[in-house]
Amino acid sequence: MTWRLIQNQLISIVGVHNACDASPALSFGPAAYPDLAQARELHPGLTKVWDAVRHDFWTKLIPPRASSGRQRQWA
């Protein structure tokens, strides 16, 4: 899958590719890149793909902390 971050923290969907051979399964033109919510509405059968995009987005926005074996406490 290919997505990019656009203004106001919106996820713009560029395309979805087949995992087995990387062939395009779904693509959008530059004038009509849907955000993640629109993509879910347009293609509700791809729920797992949209969930993966959301997870990827949040992982890049807020990377997981390195596990040091200690928990940090905030006051």
N, C-alpha and C. Protein backbone atom coordinates (compact mmCIF):
# COMPACT_ATOMS: atom_id res chain seq x y z
N MET A 1 0.83 -1.16 0.00
CA MET A 1 0.00 0.00 0.00
C MET A 1 0.88 1.23 0.00
N THR A 2 0.38 2.27 -0.56
CA THR A 2 1.10 3.54 -0.60
C THR A 2 0.17 4.62 -0.09
N TRP A 3 0.65 5.36 0.89
CA TRP A 3 -0.12 6.47 1.41
C TRP A 3 0.85 7.60 1.71
N ARG A 4 0.30 8.80 1.85
CA ARG A 4 1.13 9.94 2.23
C ARG A 4 0.35 10.84 3.14
N LEU A 5 1.07 11.58 3.94
CA LEU A 5 0.46 12.51 4.87
C LEU A 5 0.26 13.83 4.15
N ILE A 6 -0.96 14.35 4.22
CA ILE A 6 -1.24 15.66 3.63
C ILE A 6 -1.63 16.62 4.74
N GLN A 7 -1.99 17.80 4.39
CA GLN A 7 -2.30 18.84 5.38
C GLN A 7 -3.26 18.38 6.46
N ASN A 8 -3.13 18.97 7.62
CA ASN A 8 -4.01 18.70 8.77
C ASN A 8 -4.01 17.24 9.20
N GLN A 9 -2.88 16.56 9.05
CA GLN A 9 -2.73 15.18 9.50
C GLN A 9 -3.69 14.21 8.82
N LEU A 10 -4.09 14.48 7.58
CA LEU A 10 -4.94 13.55 6.83
C LEU A 10 -4.06 12.55 6.09
N ILE A 11 -4.51 11.32 6.05
CA ILE A 11 -3.81 10.27 5.33
C ILE A 11 -4.41 10.20 3.93
N SER A 12 -3.61 10.41 2.93
CA SER A 12 -4.06 10.35 1.54
C SER A 12 -3.66 9.00 0.96
N ILE A 13 -4.63 8.24 0.45
CA ILE A 13 -4.36 6.91 -0.10
C ILE A 13 -3.99 7.06 -1.57
N VAL A 14 -2.82 6.55 -1.92
CA VAL A 14 -2.34 6.62 -3.30
C VAL A 14 -2.65 5.33 -4.03
N GLY A 15 -2.38 4.19 -3.39
CA GLY A 15 -2.64 2.92 -4.04
C GLY A 15 -2.50 1.74 -3.10
N VAL A 16 -3.05 0.62 -3.52
CA VAL A 16 -2.96 -0.64 -2.79
C VAL A 16 -2.42 -1.68 -3.76
N HIS A 17 -1.46 -2.47 -3.30
CA HIS A 17 -0.81 -3.46 -4.16
C HIS A 17 -1.01 -4.86 -3.60
N ASN A 18 -1.10 -5.85 -4.48
CA ASN A 18 -1.20 -7.26 -4.06
C ASN A 18 0.08 -7.67 -3.37
N ALA A 19 -0.04 -8.32 -2.23
CA ALA A 19 1.13 -8.75 -1.46
C ALA A 19 1.94 -9.81 -2.18
N CYS A 20 1.29 -10.66 -2.96
CA CYS A 20 2.00 -11.79 -3.58
C CYS A 20 2.91 -11.37 -4.73
N ASP A 21 2.52 -10.34 -5.49
CA ASP A 21 3.34 -9.97 -6.64
C ASP A 21 3.51 -8.46 -6.83
N ALA A 22 3.04 -7.68 -5.90
CA ALA A 22 3.16 -6.21 -5.92
C ALA A 22 2.42 -5.55 -7.08
N SER A 23 1.54 -6.30 -7.74
CA SER A 23 0.76 -5.68 -8.81
C SER A 23 -0.30 -4.76 -8.20
N PRO A 24 -0.67 -3.71 -8.90
CA PRO A 24 -1.66 -2.78 -8.35
C PRO A 24 -3.03 -3.43 -8.21
N ALA A 25 -3.63 -3.30 -7.05
CA ALA A 25 -4.98 -3.81 -6.82
C ALA A 25 -5.98 -2.65 -6.86
N LEU A 26 -5.50 -1.48 -6.51
CA LEU A 26 -6.36 -0.31 -6.43
C LEU A 26 -5.47 0.92 -6.49
N SER A 27 -5.81 1.89 -7.32
CA SER A 27 -5.02 3.13 -7.36
C SER A 27 -5.95 4.31 -7.61
N PHE A 28 -5.47 5.44 -7.22
CA PHE A 28 -6.24 6.68 -7.37
C PHE A 28 -5.37 7.70 -8.07
N GLY A 29 -5.99 8.57 -8.85
CA GLY A 29 -5.27 9.63 -9.55
C GLY A 29 -4.93 10.77 -8.60
N PRO A 30 -3.90 11.56 -8.94
CA PRO A 30 -3.46 12.63 -8.04
C PRO A 30 -4.53 13.68 -7.75
N ALA A 31 -5.47 13.84 -8.63
CA ALA A 31 -6.53 14.82 -8.38
C ALA A 31 -7.61 14.26 -7.45
N ALA A 32 -7.57 12.96 -7.19
CA ALA A 32 -8.65 12.35 -6.41
C ALA A 32 -8.16 11.41 -5.33
N TYR A 33 -6.99 11.67 -4.73
CA TYR A 33 -6.54 10.81 -3.64
C TYR A 33 -7.52 10.93 -2.48
N PRO A 34 -8.17 9.83 -2.10
CA PRO A 34 -9.10 9.91 -0.96
C PRO A 34 -8.32 9.88 0.35
N ASP A 35 -8.92 10.47 1.38
CA ASP A 35 -8.31 10.29 2.70
C ASP A 35 -8.74 8.91 3.21
N LEU A 36 -8.25 8.52 4.37
CA LEU A 36 -8.49 7.17 4.87
C LEU A 36 -9.98 6.90 5.08
N ALA A 37 -10.70 7.87 5.63
CA ALA A 37 -12.14 7.68 5.85
C ALA A 37 -12.89 7.50 4.54
N GLN A 38 -12.55 8.28 3.53
CA GLN A 38 -13.19 8.14 2.22
C GLN A 38 -12.86 6.79 1.59
N ALA A 39 -11.61 6.35 1.72
CA ALA A 39 -11.21 5.06 1.17
C ALA A 39 -12.00 3.93 1.82
N ARG A 40 -12.22 4.03 3.15
CA ARG A 40 -13.03 3.02 3.84
C ARG A 40 -14.45 3.00 3.28
N GLU A 41 -15.00 4.17 3.00
CA GLU A 41 -16.37 4.24 2.45
C GLU A 41 -16.42 3.70 1.03
N LEU A 42 -15.42 4.03 0.22
CA LEU A 42 -15.39 3.60 -1.18
C LEU A 42 -15.16 2.09 -1.33
N HIS A 43 -14.34 1.53 -0.44
CA HIS A 43 -13.97 0.11 -0.54
C HIS A 43 -14.04 -0.53 0.85
N PRO A 44 -15.26 -0.76 1.35
CA PRO A 44 -15.41 -1.31 2.70
C PRO A 44 -14.90 -2.74 2.85
N GLY A 45 -14.73 -3.44 1.76
CA GLY A 45 -14.23 -4.81 1.82
C GLY A 45 -12.74 -4.89 2.14
N LEU A 46 -12.06 -3.76 2.17
CA LEU A 46 -10.62 -3.73 2.44
C LEU A 46 -10.32 -3.25 3.86
N THR A 47 -11.18 -3.63 4.80
CA THR A 47 -11.04 -3.17 6.19
C THR A 47 -9.66 -3.47 6.75
N LYS A 48 -9.13 -4.65 6.51
CA LYS A 48 -7.81 -5.00 7.05
C LYS A 48 -6.72 -4.10 6.47
N VAL A 49 -6.85 -3.75 5.21
CA VAL A 49 -5.87 -2.85 4.58
C VAL A 49 -5.94 -1.47 5.24
N TRP A 50 -7.14 -0.95 5.40
CA TRP A 50 -7.30 0.39 6.00
C TRP A 50 -6.84 0.39 7.45
N ASP A 51 -7.07 -0.70 8.17
CA ASP A 51 -6.57 -0.80 9.54
C ASP A 51 -5.03 -0.80 9.55
N ALA A 52 -4.43 -1.47 8.58
CA ALA A 52 -2.96 -1.50 8.49
C ALA A 52 -2.41 -0.11 8.17
N VAL A 53 -3.09 0.62 7.30
CA VAL A 53 -2.66 2.00 6.99
C VAL A 53 -2.72 2.85 8.26
N ARG A 54 -3.81 2.76 8.99
CA ARG A 54 -3.96 3.53 10.23
C ARG A 54 -2.85 3.17 11.22
N HIS A 55 -2.58 1.88 11.38
CA HIS A 55 -1.51 1.44 12.29
C HIS A 55 -0.16 1.98 11.83
N ASP A 56 0.13 1.88 10.54
CA ASP A 56 1.39 2.37 9.99
C ASP A 56 1.54 3.87 10.23
N PHE A 57 0.47 4.61 10.01
CA PHE A 57 0.46 6.06 10.23
C PHE A 57 0.83 6.38 11.67
N TRP A 58 0.14 5.76 12.62
CA TRP A 58 0.39 6.07 14.03
C TRP A 58 1.77 5.63 14.47
N THR A 59 2.27 4.52 13.90
CA THR A 59 3.61 4.07 14.23
C THR A 59 4.66 5.06 13.75
N LYS A 60 4.43 5.66 12.58
CA LYS A 60 5.37 6.65 12.06
C LYS A 60 5.23 7.99 12.80
N LEU A 61 4.01 8.34 13.16
CA LEU A 61 3.78 9.61 13.86
C LEU A 61 4.32 9.56 15.29
N ILE A 62 4.08 8.45 15.98
CA ILE A 62 4.54 8.28 17.36
C ILE A 62 5.25 6.93 17.44
N PRO A 63 6.55 6.92 17.15
CA PRO A 63 7.28 5.64 17.16
C PRO A 63 7.26 5.00 18.54
N PRO A 64 7.23 3.67 18.59
CA PRO A 64 7.25 2.99 19.89
C PRO A 64 8.56 3.27 20.61
N ARG A 65 8.47 3.36 21.92
CA ARG A 65 9.67 3.58 22.73
C ARG A 65 10.52 2.33 22.73
N ALA A 66 11.81 2.52 22.79
CA ALA A 66 12.72 1.38 22.93
C ALA A 66 12.54 0.81 24.33
N SER A 67 12.46 -0.48 24.41
CA SER A 67 12.27 -1.14 25.69
C SER A 67 13.60 -1.21 26.43
N SER A 68 13.68 -0.52 27.56
CA SER A 68 14.92 -0.53 28.34
C SER A 68 14.79 -1.40 29.57
N GLY A 69 13.62 -2.03 29.75
CA GLY A 69 13.43 -2.85 30.93
C GLY A 69 12.92 -2.05 32.13
N ARG A 70 12.94 -0.74 32.01
CA ARG A 70 12.45 0.11 33.10
C ARG A 70 11.25 0.89 32.62
N GLN A 71 10.31 1.05 33.50
CA GLN A 71 9.14 1.86 33.20
C GLN A 71 9.38 3.27 33.69
N ARG A 72 9.07 4.23 32.91
CA ARG A 72 9.22 5.62 33.30
C ARG A 72 7.91 6.09 33.90
N GLN A 73 7.98 6.72 35.05
CA GLN A 73 6.78 7.23 35.69
C GLN A 73 6.71 8.73 35.51
N TRP A 74 5.52 9.18 35.18
CA TRP A 74 5.28 10.60 35.00
C TRP A 74 4.48 11.12 36.18
N ALA A 75 4.87 12.26 36.68
CA ALA A 75 4.17 12.84 37.84
C ALA A 75 2.93 13.57 37.40
